C-alpha atoms as a PDB file:
ATOM      1  CA  MET A   1       5.367 -98.739 -72.112  1.00  0.00           C
ATOM      2  CA  PRO A   2       4.793 -97.279 -68.632  1.00  0.00           C
ATOM      3  CA  ASP A   3       6.526 -94.144 -67.398  1.00  0.00           C
ATOM      4  CA  LEU A   4       9.959 -95.135 -66.125  1.00  0.00           C
ATOM      5  CA  ALA A   5      12.078 -94.379 -63.065  1.00  0.00           C
ATOM      6  CA  TRP A   6      15.804 -94.850 -62.382  1.00  0.00           C
ATOM      7  CA  ILE A   7      16.610 -95.297 -58.682  1.00  0.00           C
ATOM      8  CA  ASN A   8      20.299 -95.670 -57.832  1.00  0.00           C
ATOM      9  CA  GLY A   9      20.936 -97.306 -61.180  1.00  0.00           C
ATOM     10  CA  GLU A  10      17.904 -99.607 -61.356  1.00  0.00           C
ATOM     11  CA  ILE A  11      15.149 -98.896 -63.885  1.00  0.00           C
ATOM     12  CA  THR A  12      11.581 -99.702 -62.861  1.00  0.00           C
ATOM     13  CA  PRO A  13       8.084 -98.559 -63.826  1.00  0.00           C
ATOM     14  CA  LEU A  14       7.536 -95.155 -62.248  1.00  0.00           C
ATOM     15  CA  ALA A  15       4.456 -96.393 -60.350  1.00  0.00           C
ATOM     16  CA  GLU A  16       6.612 -99.031 -58.631  1.00  0.00           C
ATOM     17  CA  ALA A  17       9.590 -96.797 -57.762  1.00  0.00           C
ATOM     18  CA  ARG A  18      10.329 -96.441 -54.043  1.00  0.00           C
ATOM     19  CA  VAL A  19      12.707 -94.434 -51.848  1.00  0.00           C
ATOM     20  CA  SER A  20      13.192 -94.734 -48.091  1.00  0.00           C
ATOM     21  CA  PHE A  21      11.052 -92.826 -45.589  1.00  0.00           C
ATOM     22  CA  LEU A  22      14.365 -91.989 -43.865  1.00  0.00           C
ATOM     23  CA  ASP A  23      15.700 -90.111 -46.905  1.00  0.00           C
ATOM     24  CA  HIS A  24      16.952 -86.679 -45.809  1.00  0.00           C
ATOM     25  CA  GLY A  25      15.404 -85.214 -48.924  1.00  0.00           C
ATOM     26  CA  TYR A  26      12.039 -86.180 -47.419  1.00  0.00           C
ATOM     27  CA  PHE A  27      12.883 -84.925 -43.927  1.00  0.00           C
ATOM     28  CA  TYR A  28      14.617 -81.657 -44.748  1.00  0.00           C
ATOM     29  CA  GLY A  29      14.453 -80.986 -48.470  1.00  0.00           C
ATOM     30  CA  TYR A  30      18.188 -81.718 -48.369  1.00  0.00           C
ATOM     31  CA  GLY A  31      18.803 -82.249 -52.047  1.00  0.00           C
ATOM     32  CA  VAL A  32      18.906 -80.769 -55.527  1.00  0.00           C
ATOM     33  CA  TYR A  33      17.171 -81.485 -58.805  1.00  0.00           C
ATOM     34  CA  GLU A  34      17.209 -80.862 -62.525  1.00  0.00           C
ATOM     35  CA  ALA A  35      14.318 -81.026 -64.970  1.00  0.00           C
ATOM     36  CA  CYS A  36      15.109 -81.543 -68.649  1.00  0.00           C
ATOM     37  CA  LYS A  37      13.225 -81.827 -71.889  1.00  0.00           C
ATOM     38  CA  ALA A  38      13.922 -84.561 -74.432  1.00  0.00           C
ATOM     39  CA  PHE A  39      12.919 -84.546 -78.078  1.00  0.00           C
ATOM     40  CA  ALA A  40      12.819 -87.941 -79.821  1.00  0.00           C
ATOM     41  CA  GLY A  41      15.021 -89.427 -77.095  1.00  0.00           C
ATOM     42  CA  LYS A  42      17.631 -86.637 -77.120  1.00  0.00           C
ATOM     43  CA  ILE A  43      17.887 -84.293 -74.117  1.00  0.00           C
ATOM     44  CA  TYR A  44      18.082 -80.635 -75.059  1.00  0.00           C
ATOM     45  CA  ALA A  45      20.898 -78.574 -73.469  1.00  0.00           C
ATOM     46  CA  LEU A  46      22.029 -81.529 -71.365  1.00  0.00           C
ATOM     47  CA  GLN A  47      25.481 -80.110 -70.624  1.00  0.00           C
ATOM     48  CA  GLU A  48      24.014 -76.808 -69.457  1.00  0.00           C
ATOM     49  CA  HIS A  49      21.658 -78.668 -67.116  1.00  0.00           C
ATOM     50  CA  MET A  50      24.521 -80.781 -65.774  1.00  0.00           C
ATOM     51  CA  ASN A  51      26.720 -77.719 -65.220  1.00  0.00           C
ATOM     52  CA  ARG A  52      23.971 -76.183 -63.093  1.00  0.00           C
ATOM     53  CA  LEU A  53      23.503 -79.467 -61.215  1.00  0.00           C
ATOM     54  CA  ASP A  54      27.211 -79.513 -60.376  1.00  0.00           C
ATOM     55  CA  ARG A  55      26.996 -75.981 -58.947  1.00  0.00           C
ATOM     56  CA  SER A  56      23.964 -76.869 -56.824  1.00  0.00           C
ATOM     57  CA  LEU A  57      25.622 -80.040 -55.512  1.00  0.00           C
ATOM     58  CA  ARG A  58      28.733 -78.116 -54.498  1.00  0.00           C
ATOM     59  CA  ALA A  59      26.632 -75.461 -52.752  1.00  0.00           C
ATOM     60  CA  LEU A  60      24.908 -78.116 -50.614  1.00  0.00           C
ATOM     61  CA  ARG A  61      28.103 -80.150 -50.137  1.00  0.00           C
ATOM     62  CA  ILE A  62      26.665 -83.269 -51.743  1.00  0.00           C
ATOM     63  CA  THR A  63      28.944 -85.685 -53.561  1.00  0.00           C
ATOM     64  CA  PRO A  64      26.655 -87.939 -55.615  1.00  0.00           C
ATOM     65  CA  GLY A  65      28.964 -90.958 -55.624  1.00  0.00           C
ATOM     66  CA  ARG A  66      28.346 -91.428 -59.352  1.00  0.00           C
ATOM     67  CA  SER A  67      30.224 -89.867 -62.223  1.00  0.00           C
ATOM     68  CA  ARG A  68      28.716 -87.142 -64.343  1.00  0.00           C
ATOM     69  CA  GLU A  69      28.873 -89.531 -67.292  1.00  0.00           C
ATOM     70  CA  GLU A  70      26.835 -92.135 -65.398  1.00  0.00           C
ATOM     71  CA  LEU A  71      24.216 -89.565 -64.443  1.00  0.00           C
ATOM     72  CA  GLU A  72      23.980 -88.314 -68.018  1.00  0.00           C
ATOM     73  CA  GLY A  73      23.736 -91.885 -69.243  1.00  0.00           C
ATOM     74  CA  GLY A  74      20.842 -92.628 -66.893  1.00  0.00           C
ATOM     75  CA  MET A  75      18.899 -89.614 -68.105  1.00  0.00           C
ATOM     76  CA  GLU A  76      19.579 -90.376 -71.752  1.00  0.00           C
ATOM     77  CA  GLU A  77      18.542 -94.005 -71.315  1.00  0.00           C
ATOM     78  CA  LEU A  78      15.255 -92.963 -69.711  1.00  0.00           C
ATOM     79  CA  ALA A  79      14.631 -90.484 -72.529  1.00  0.00           C
ATOM     80  CA  ARG A  80      15.235 -93.169 -75.166  1.00  0.00           C
ATOM     81  CA  ARG A  81      13.258 -95.910 -73.444  1.00  0.00           C
ATOM     82  CA  SER A  82      10.301 -93.656 -72.671  1.00  0.00           C
ATOM     83  CA  GLY A  83       9.308 -93.712 -76.336  1.00  0.00           C
ATOM     84  CA  TYR A  84       7.772 -90.240 -76.084  1.00  0.00           C
ATOM     85  CA  GLU A  85       8.306 -87.713 -78.862  1.00  0.00           C
ATOM     86  CA  THR A  86       8.582 -85.020 -76.184  1.00  0.00           C
ATOM     87  CA  ALA A  87       9.544 -86.219 -72.715  1.00  0.00           C
ATOM     88  CA  PHE A  88      10.065 -84.614 -69.317  1.00  0.00           C
ATOM     89  CA  VAL A  89      13.140 -86.096 -67.618  1.00  0.00           C
ATOM     90  CA  TYR A  90      13.636 -85.296 -63.927  1.00  0.00           C
ATOM     91  CA  MET A  91      16.642 -86.060 -61.714  1.00  0.00           C
ATOM     92  CA  GLN A  92      16.861 -85.616 -57.939  1.00  0.00           C
ATOM     93  CA  ILE A  93      19.882 -86.183 -55.704  1.00  0.00           C
ATOM     94  CA  THR A  94      19.469 -86.142 -51.922  1.00  0.00           C
ATOM     95  CA  ARG A  95      22.017 -86.323 -49.120  1.00  0.00           C
ATOM     96  CA  GLY A  96      21.003 -89.910 -48.397  1.00  0.00           C
ATOM     97  CA  VAL A  97      19.203 -92.150 -45.908  1.00  0.00           C
ATOM     98  CA  GLY A  98      19.787 -91.880 -42.164  1.00  0.00           C
ATOM     99  CA  LYS A  99      18.165 -91.223 -38.823  1.00  0.00           C
ATOM    100  CA  ARG A 100      16.356 -87.936 -38.356  1.00  0.00           C
ATOM    101  CA  GLY A 101      18.737 -85.442 -36.789  1.00  0.00           C
ATOM    102  CA  PRO A 102      21.527 -83.016 -37.646  1.00  0.00           C
ATOM    103  CA  GLU A 103      24.036 -85.779 -38.348  1.00  0.00           C
ATOM    104  CA  GLN A 104      24.642 -86.346 -42.014  1.00  0.00           C
ATOM    105  CA  PRO A 105      23.717 -89.823 -43.279  1.00  0.00           C
ATOM    106  CA  ALA A 106      26.587 -92.267 -43.406  1.00  0.00           C
ATOM    107  CA  GLY A 107      25.291 -93.876 -46.582  1.00  0.00           C
ATOM    108  CA  ALA A 108      25.593 -92.718 -50.160  1.00  0.00           C
ATOM    109  CA  PRO A 109      23.338 -90.004 -51.595  1.00  0.00           C
ATOM    110  CA  VAL A 110      20.135 -91.201 -53.242  1.00  0.00           C
ATOM    111  CA  VAL A 111      19.940 -90.574 -56.990  1.00  0.00           C
ATOM    112  CA  ALA A 112      16.479 -90.841 -58.521  1.00  0.00           C
ATOM    113  CA  MET A 113      15.201 -90.013 -61.980  1.00  0.00           C
ATOM    114  CA  PHE A 114      12.022 -90.445 -63.983  1.00  0.00           C
ATOM    115  CA  ALA A 115      10.738 -89.794 -67.486  1.00  0.00           C
ATOM    116  CA  THR A 116       7.186 -89.043 -68.489  1.00  0.00           C
ATOM    117  CA  GLU A 117       5.383 -87.463 -71.403  1.00  0.00           C
ATOM    118  CA  LEU A 118       5.497 -83.678 -71.672  1.00  0.00           C
ATOM    119  CA  GLU A 119       2.413 -82.075 -73.133  1.00  0.00           C
ATOM    120  CA  THR A 120       2.879 -78.910 -75.186  1.00  0.00           C
ATOM    121  CA  MET A 121       0.506 -75.997 -75.686  1.00  0.00           C
ATOM    122  CA  THR A 122      -1.564 -75.826 -78.848  1.00  0.00           C
ATOM    123  CA  PRO A 123      -0.733 -72.870 -81.144  1.00  0.00           C
ATOM    124  CA  ALA A 124      -4.048 -71.218 -80.249  1.00  0.00           C
ATOM    125  CA  ALA A 125      -3.438 -71.585 -76.509  1.00  0.00           C
ATOM    126  CA  TRP A 126       0.129 -70.302 -76.880  1.00  0.00           C
ATOM    127  CA  ASN A 127      -0.966 -67.251 -78.833  1.00  0.00           C
ATOM    128  CA  GLY A 128      -3.535 -66.422 -76.148  1.00  0.00           C
ATOM    129  CA  GLY A 129      -0.839 -66.535 -73.491  1.00  0.00           C
ATOM    130  CA  ILE A 130      -1.280 -66.878 -69.754  1.00  0.00           C
ATOM    131  CA  ALA A 131      -2.210 -64.664 -66.828  1.00  0.00           C
ATOM    132  CA  VAL A 132       0.189 -64.051 -63.947  1.00  0.00           C
ATOM    133  CA  ILE A 133       0.075 -62.253 -60.619  1.00  0.00           C
ATOM    134  CA  THR A 134       2.841 -60.462 -58.711  1.00  0.00           C
ATOM    135  CA  LEU A 135       3.789 -61.390 -55.152  1.00  0.00           C
ATOM    136  CA  PRO A 136       6.446 -60.361 -52.617  1.00  0.00           C
ATOM    137  CA  ASP A 137       9.503 -62.607 -52.793  1.00  0.00           C
ATOM    138  CA  GLU A 138       9.440 -64.436 -49.446  1.00  0.00           C
ATOM    139  CA  ARG A 139      11.682 -67.348 -50.366  1.00  0.00           C
ATOM    140  CA  TRP A 140      14.967 -68.300 -48.728  1.00  0.00           C
ATOM    141  CA  ALA A 141      18.153 -66.377 -49.477  1.00  0.00           C
ATOM    142  CA  HIS A 142      19.566 -68.790 -52.059  1.00  0.00           C
ATOM    143  CA  PRO A 143      17.106 -69.143 -54.962  1.00  0.00           C
ATOM    144  CA  ASP A 144      20.162 -69.500 -57.237  1.00  0.00           C
ATOM    145  CA  ILE A 145      20.560 -73.061 -55.865  1.00  0.00           C
ATOM    146  CA  LYS A 146      18.147 -75.512 -57.476  1.00  0.00           C
ATOM    147  CA  SER A 147      17.282 -77.183 -54.191  1.00  0.00           C
ATOM    148  CA  LEU A 148      14.222 -79.173 -53.148  1.00  0.00           C
ATOM    149  CA  ASN A 149      13.018 -76.344 -50.865  1.00  0.00           C
ATOM    150  CA  LEU A 150      10.125 -75.203 -53.035  1.00  0.00           C
ATOM    151  CA  LEU A 151       7.309 -74.622 -50.542  1.00  0.00           C
ATOM    152  CA  PRO A 152       7.146 -70.817 -51.105  1.00  0.00           C
ATOM    153  CA  ASN A 153       7.072 -71.425 -54.856  1.00  0.00           C
ATOM    154  CA  ILE A 154       4.221 -73.919 -54.550  1.00  0.00           C
ATOM    155  CA  LEU A 155       2.243 -71.591 -52.284  1.00  0.00           C
ATOM    156  CA  ALA A 156       2.739 -68.791 -54.820  1.00  0.00           C
ATOM    157  CA  LYS A 157       1.454 -71.050 -57.592  1.00  0.00           C
ATOM    158  CA  GLU A 158      -1.600 -71.875 -55.488  1.00  0.00           C
ATOM    159  CA  LYS A 159      -2.316 -68.168 -54.948  1.00  0.00           C
ATOM    160  CA  ALA A 160      -2.042 -67.638 -58.706  1.00  0.00           C
ATOM    161  CA  LEU A 161      -4.501 -70.426 -59.441  1.00  0.00           C
ATOM    162  CA  GLU A 162      -6.925 -68.994 -56.897  1.00  0.00           C
ATOM    163  CA  GLN A 163      -6.906 -65.785 -58.966  1.00  0.00           C
ATOM    164  CA  ASP A 164      -7.400 -67.575 -62.309  1.00  0.00           C
ATOM    165  CA  ALA A 165      -3.733 -67.114 -63.204  1.00  0.00           C
ATOM    166  CA  GLN A 166      -1.096 -69.687 -64.082  1.00  0.00           C
ATOM    167  CA  GLU A 167       2.117 -68.212 -62.655  1.00  0.00           C
ATOM    168  CA  ALA A 168       3.357 -65.801 -59.971  1.00  0.00           C
ATOM    169  CA  VAL A 169       6.107 -63.219 -60.526  1.00  0.00           C
ATOM    170  CA  PHE A 170       8.134 -62.257 -57.462  1.00  0.00           C
ATOM    171  CA  TYR A 171       9.390 -58.794 -56.492  1.00  0.00           C
ATOM    172  CA  ASN A 172      11.676 -57.911 -53.588  1.00  0.00           C
ATOM    173  CA  ALA A 173      11.472 -55.316 -50.815  1.00  0.00           C
ATOM    174  CA  GLN A 174      12.645 -52.628 -53.249  1.00  0.00           C
ATOM    175  CA  ASN A 175       9.881 -53.585 -55.725  1.00  0.00           C
ATOM    176  CA  ILE A 176      12.490 -55.025 -58.092  1.00  0.00           C
ATOM    177  CA  VAL A 177      11.280 -57.979 -60.175  1.00  0.00           C
ATOM    178  CA  THR A 178      13.291 -61.150 -59.530  1.00  0.00           C
ATOM    179  CA  GLU A 179      11.793 -64.234 -61.207  1.00  0.00           C
ATOM    180  CA  ALA A 180       8.622 -66.291 -61.300  1.00  0.00           C
ATOM    181  CA  ALA A 181       7.683 -69.293 -59.170  1.00  0.00           C
ATOM    182  CA  SER A 182       8.905 -71.792 -61.767  1.00  0.00           C
ATOM    183  CA  SER A 183      10.289 -69.678 -64.604  1.00  0.00           C
ATOM    184  CA  ASN A 184      12.409 -66.691 -65.570  1.00  0.00           C
ATOM    185  CA  VAL A 185      10.887 -63.384 -66.649  1.00  0.00           C
ATOM    186  CA  PHE A 186      11.546 -61.260 -69.742  1.00  0.00           C
ATOM    187  CA  ALA A 187       9.840 -58.006 -70.703  1.00  0.00           C
ATOM    188  CA  VAL A 188       9.778 -55.370 -73.411  1.00  0.00           C
ATOM    189  CA  LEU A 189       9.591 -52.190 -71.357  1.00  0.00           C
ATOM    190  CA  ALA A 190       7.725 -49.052 -72.354  1.00  0.00           C
ATOM    191  CA  ASP A 191      10.980 -47.500 -73.646  1.00  0.00           C
ATOM    192  CA  GLY A 192      11.483 -50.431 -76.032  1.00  0.00           C
ATOM    193  CA  ARG A 193      14.261 -52.223 -74.141  1.00  0.00           C
ATOM    194  CA  LEU A 194      14.131 -56.027 -74.032  1.00  0.00           C
ATOM    195  CA  VAL A 195      15.213 -56.979 -70.510  1.00  0.00           C
ATOM    196  CA  THR A 196      15.542 -59.830 -68.017  1.00  0.00           C
ATOM    197  CA  PRO A 197      16.775 -59.702 -64.389  1.00  0.00           C
ATOM    198  CA  PRO A 198      20.524 -60.289 -63.922  1.00  0.00           C
ATOM    199  CA  LEU A 199      22.221 -63.271 -62.302  1.00  0.00           C
ATOM    200  CA  ASP A 200      23.059 -61.713 -58.958  1.00  0.00           C
ATOM    201  CA  GLY A 201      22.311 -64.621 -56.617  1.00  0.00           C
ATOM    202  CA  HIS A 202      18.632 -63.691 -56.312  1.00  0.00           C
ATOM    203  CA  ILE A 203      17.372 -65.757 -59.241  1.00  0.00           C
ATOM    204  CA  LEU A 204      18.010 -69.210 -60.641  1.00  0.00           C
ATOM    205  CA  GLU A 205      20.122 -69.389 -63.767  1.00  0.00           C
ATOM    206  CA  GLY A 206      17.485 -70.947 -65.974  1.00  0.00           C
ATOM    207  CA  VAL A 207      18.817 -73.129 -68.770  1.00  0.00           C
ATOM    208  CA  SER A 208      16.138 -71.886 -71.181  1.00  0.00           C
ATOM    209  CA  ARG A 209      17.058 -68.330 -70.163  1.00  0.00           C
ATOM    210  CA  LEU A 210      20.709 -69.124 -70.904  1.00  0.00           C
ATOM    211  CA  MET A 211      19.942 -70.628 -74.318  1.00  0.00           C
ATOM    212  CA  ILE A 212      17.699 -67.704 -75.295  1.00  0.00           C
ATOM    213  CA  LEU A 213      20.381 -65.163 -74.363  1.00  0.00           C
ATOM    214  CA  ARG A 214      22.993 -67.162 -76.266  1.00  0.00           C
ATOM    215  CA  ARG A 215      20.856 -67.360 -79.390  1.00  0.00           C
ATOM    216  CA  ALA A 216      19.998 -63.659 -79.114  1.00  0.00           C
ATOM    217  CA  ARG A 217      23.690 -62.709 -79.084  1.00  0.00           C
ATOM    218  CA  GLU A 218      24.324 -64.907 -82.107  1.00  0.00           C
ATOM    219  CA  SER A 219      21.430 -63.221 -83.932  1.00  0.00           C
ATOM    220  CA  GLY A 220      22.425 -59.684 -82.980  1.00  0.00           C
ATOM    221  CA  ILE A 221      19.405 -59.210 -80.694  1.00  0.00           C
ATOM    222  CA  LYS A 222      20.140 -57.045 -77.653  1.00  0.00           C
ATOM    223  CA  ILE A 223      18.700 -58.291 -74.384  1.00  0.00           C
ATOM    224  CA  GLU A 224      19.743 -56.323 -71.311  1.00  0.00           C
ATOM    225  CA  GLU A 225      20.345 -58.224 -68.092  1.00  0.00           C
ATOM    226  CA  THR A 226      19.243 -55.487 -65.743  1.00  0.00           C
ATOM    227  CA  TYR A 227      16.915 -54.653 -62.882  1.00  0.00           C
ATOM    228  CA  PHE A 228      13.406 -53.369 -63.494  1.00  0.00           C
ATOM    229  CA  THR A 229      10.580 -52.604 -61.138  1.00  0.00           C
ATOM    230  CA  ARG A 230       7.137 -54.022 -60.624  1.00  0.00           C
ATOM    231  CA  ALA A 231       5.751 -50.681 -61.888  1.00  0.00           C
ATOM    232  CA  GLU A 232       7.837 -50.944 -65.075  1.00  0.00           C
ATOM    233  CA  LEU A 233       6.608 -54.489 -65.572  1.00  0.00           C
ATOM    234  CA  ALA A 234       3.021 -53.267 -65.281  1.00  0.00           C
ATOM    235  CA  GLN A 235       3.667 -50.832 -68.164  1.00  0.00           C
ATOM    236  CA  ALA A 236       5.527 -53.350 -70.357  1.00  0.00           C
ATOM    237  CA  ALA A 237       4.523 -53.771 -73.994  1.00  0.00           C
ATOM    238  CA  GLU A 238       5.355 -57.484 -73.849  1.00  0.00           C
ATOM    239  CA  ILE A 239       6.066 -59.990 -71.076  1.00  0.00           C
ATOM    240  CA  PHE A 240       7.037 -63.627 -71.424  1.00  0.00           C
ATOM    241  CA  ILE A 241       8.307 -66.371 -69.148  1.00  0.00           C
ATOM    242  CA  THR A 242      10.843 -69.082 -69.923  1.00  0.00           C
ATOM    243  CA  GLY A 243      11.563 -72.513 -68.499  1.00  0.00           C
ATOM    244  CA  THR A 244      12.214 -76.103 -69.453  1.00  0.00           C
ATOM    245  CA  GLY A 245       8.539 -77.016 -69.457  1.00  0.00           C
ATOM    246  CA  ALA A 246       7.298 -73.594 -70.482  1.00  0.00           C
ATOM    247  CA  GLU A 247       9.882 -72.998 -73.241  1.00  0.00           C
ATOM    248  CA  ILE A 248       8.705 -69.444 -74.000  1.00  0.00           C
ATOM    249  CA  ILE A 249       5.141 -68.509 -73.041  1.00  0.00           C
ATOM    250  CA  PRO A 250       3.610 -65.062 -73.597  1.00  0.00           C
ATOM    251  CA  VAL A 251       2.067 -63.323 -70.606  1.00  0.00           C
ATOM    252  CA  THR A 252      -1.123 -61.588 -71.663  1.00  0.00           C
ATOM    253  CA  GLY A 253      -2.506 -60.701 -68.247  1.00  0.00           C
ATOM    254  CA  LEU A 254      -0.757 -59.188 -65.208  1.00  0.00           C
ATOM    255  CA  ASP A 255      -2.615 -58.724 -61.918  1.00  0.00           C
ATOM    256  CA  GLY A 256      -5.923 -58.692 -63.770  1.00  0.00           C
ATOM    257  CA  VAL A 257      -4.827 -56.170 -66.425  1.00  0.00           C
ATOM    258  CA  ARG A 258      -4.397 -57.148 -70.073  1.00  0.00           C
ATOM    259  CA  VAL A 259      -0.865 -57.078 -71.519  1.00  0.00           C
ATOM    260  CA  GLY A 260      -0.053 -56.449 -75.180  1.00  0.00           C
ATOM    261  CA  GLY A 261      -3.601 -56.524 -76.412  1.00  0.00           C
ATOM    262  CA  GLY A 262      -4.109 -60.003 -75.003  1.00  0.00           C
ATOM    263  CA  ARG A 263      -1.940 -61.784 -77.585  1.00  0.00           C
ATOM    264  CA  ALA A 264       1.702 -62.781 -78.017  1.00  0.00           C
ATOM    265  CA  GLY A 265       3.865 -59.827 -79.043  1.00  0.00           C
ATOM    266  CA  GLU A 266       6.398 -59.447 -81.854  1.00  0.00           C
ATOM    267  CA  TRP A 267       9.532 -60.057 -79.780  1.00  0.00           C
ATOM    268  CA  THR A 268       7.966 -63.008 -77.984  1.00  0.00           C
ATOM    269  CA  ARG A 269       7.097 -64.631 -81.312  1.00  0.00           C
ATOM    270  CA  ARG A 270      10.518 -63.950 -82.809  1.00  0.00           C
ATOM    271  CA  LEU A 271      12.435 -65.396 -79.879  1.00  0.00           C
ATOM    272  CA  TYR A 272      10.114 -68.388 -79.654  1.00  0.00           C
ATOM    273  CA  GLU A 273      10.545 -69.220 -83.329  1.00  0.00           C
ATOM    274  CA  ASP A 274      14.320 -68.889 -82.951  1.00  0.00           C
ATOM    275  CA  TYR A 275      14.222 -71.138 -79.877  1.00  0.00           C
ATOM    276  CA  LEU A 276      12.323 -73.819 -81.786  1.00  0.00           C
ATOM    277  CA  ARG A 277      14.837 -73.647 -84.636  1.00  0.00           C
ATOM    278  CA  ALA A 278      17.657 -74.154 -82.127  1.00  0.00           C
ATOM    279  CA  VAL A 279      15.905 -77.192 -80.671  1.00  0.00           C
ATOM    280  CA  ARG A 280      15.444 -78.744 -84.111  1.00  0.00           C
ATOM    281  CA  GLN A 281      19.081 -78.073 -85.043  1.00  0.00           C
ATOM    282  CA  SER A 282      20.264 -79.803 -81.856  1.00  0.00           C
ATOM    283  CA  GLY A 283      18.444 -83.026 -82.718  1.00  0.00           C
END
């Protein structure tokens, strides 16, 4: 079974999927997206992903022309038909096809999805964690919208790879940590507090972040949604990132300096194990 795509309701092999050159998503990045994870054909936290998609669509004034139920059904069908035990399911909605210019396209928005296999880290690789670098946050003023405008994020990832790291953590002009290029950031600070930056319009409301905070409250684990500085991050006992693809990944190197003895810390392990239990219970 090849990887599959869903383009405006039609399912085709991903390698054969096509969208118009005149799509305003191509011209201007005028669109939004969601990336989900499916286990045995069932999408995890689907409603939370769809709630965020609705907010992003409203922010960019895009009306998809298809009901939420139809969009959910397309994603679920791709997840089932993919046949993968763990699948990556991606949906993108653009403003539509039209001539290049400020006028909005007269036609309907373009809805495209695909499903492919999602590889997971081995236990040994997970325990060893990843290295990250810190960079000034030079993105546009609305990172809370999950839009297609990801060039600064991609450039940050490239800079990380050039320094033998796998992710970049952003900080603003006040040296406050915001988020990473494709993930949210958590840390156990030197004073023992478990923290993550707040939802103040300067970070994306990650679905994995949301689920981790929800599970933590249910388990009586206190995670503060508060600001912390780049200097505090450098002194943290533990750092981990979260995201749909990443799940929870320990950070064991920051700007070339080892974090937490170079292995996953106690809180990272505990929250990761709890996250995996939640995923299994949802299936």
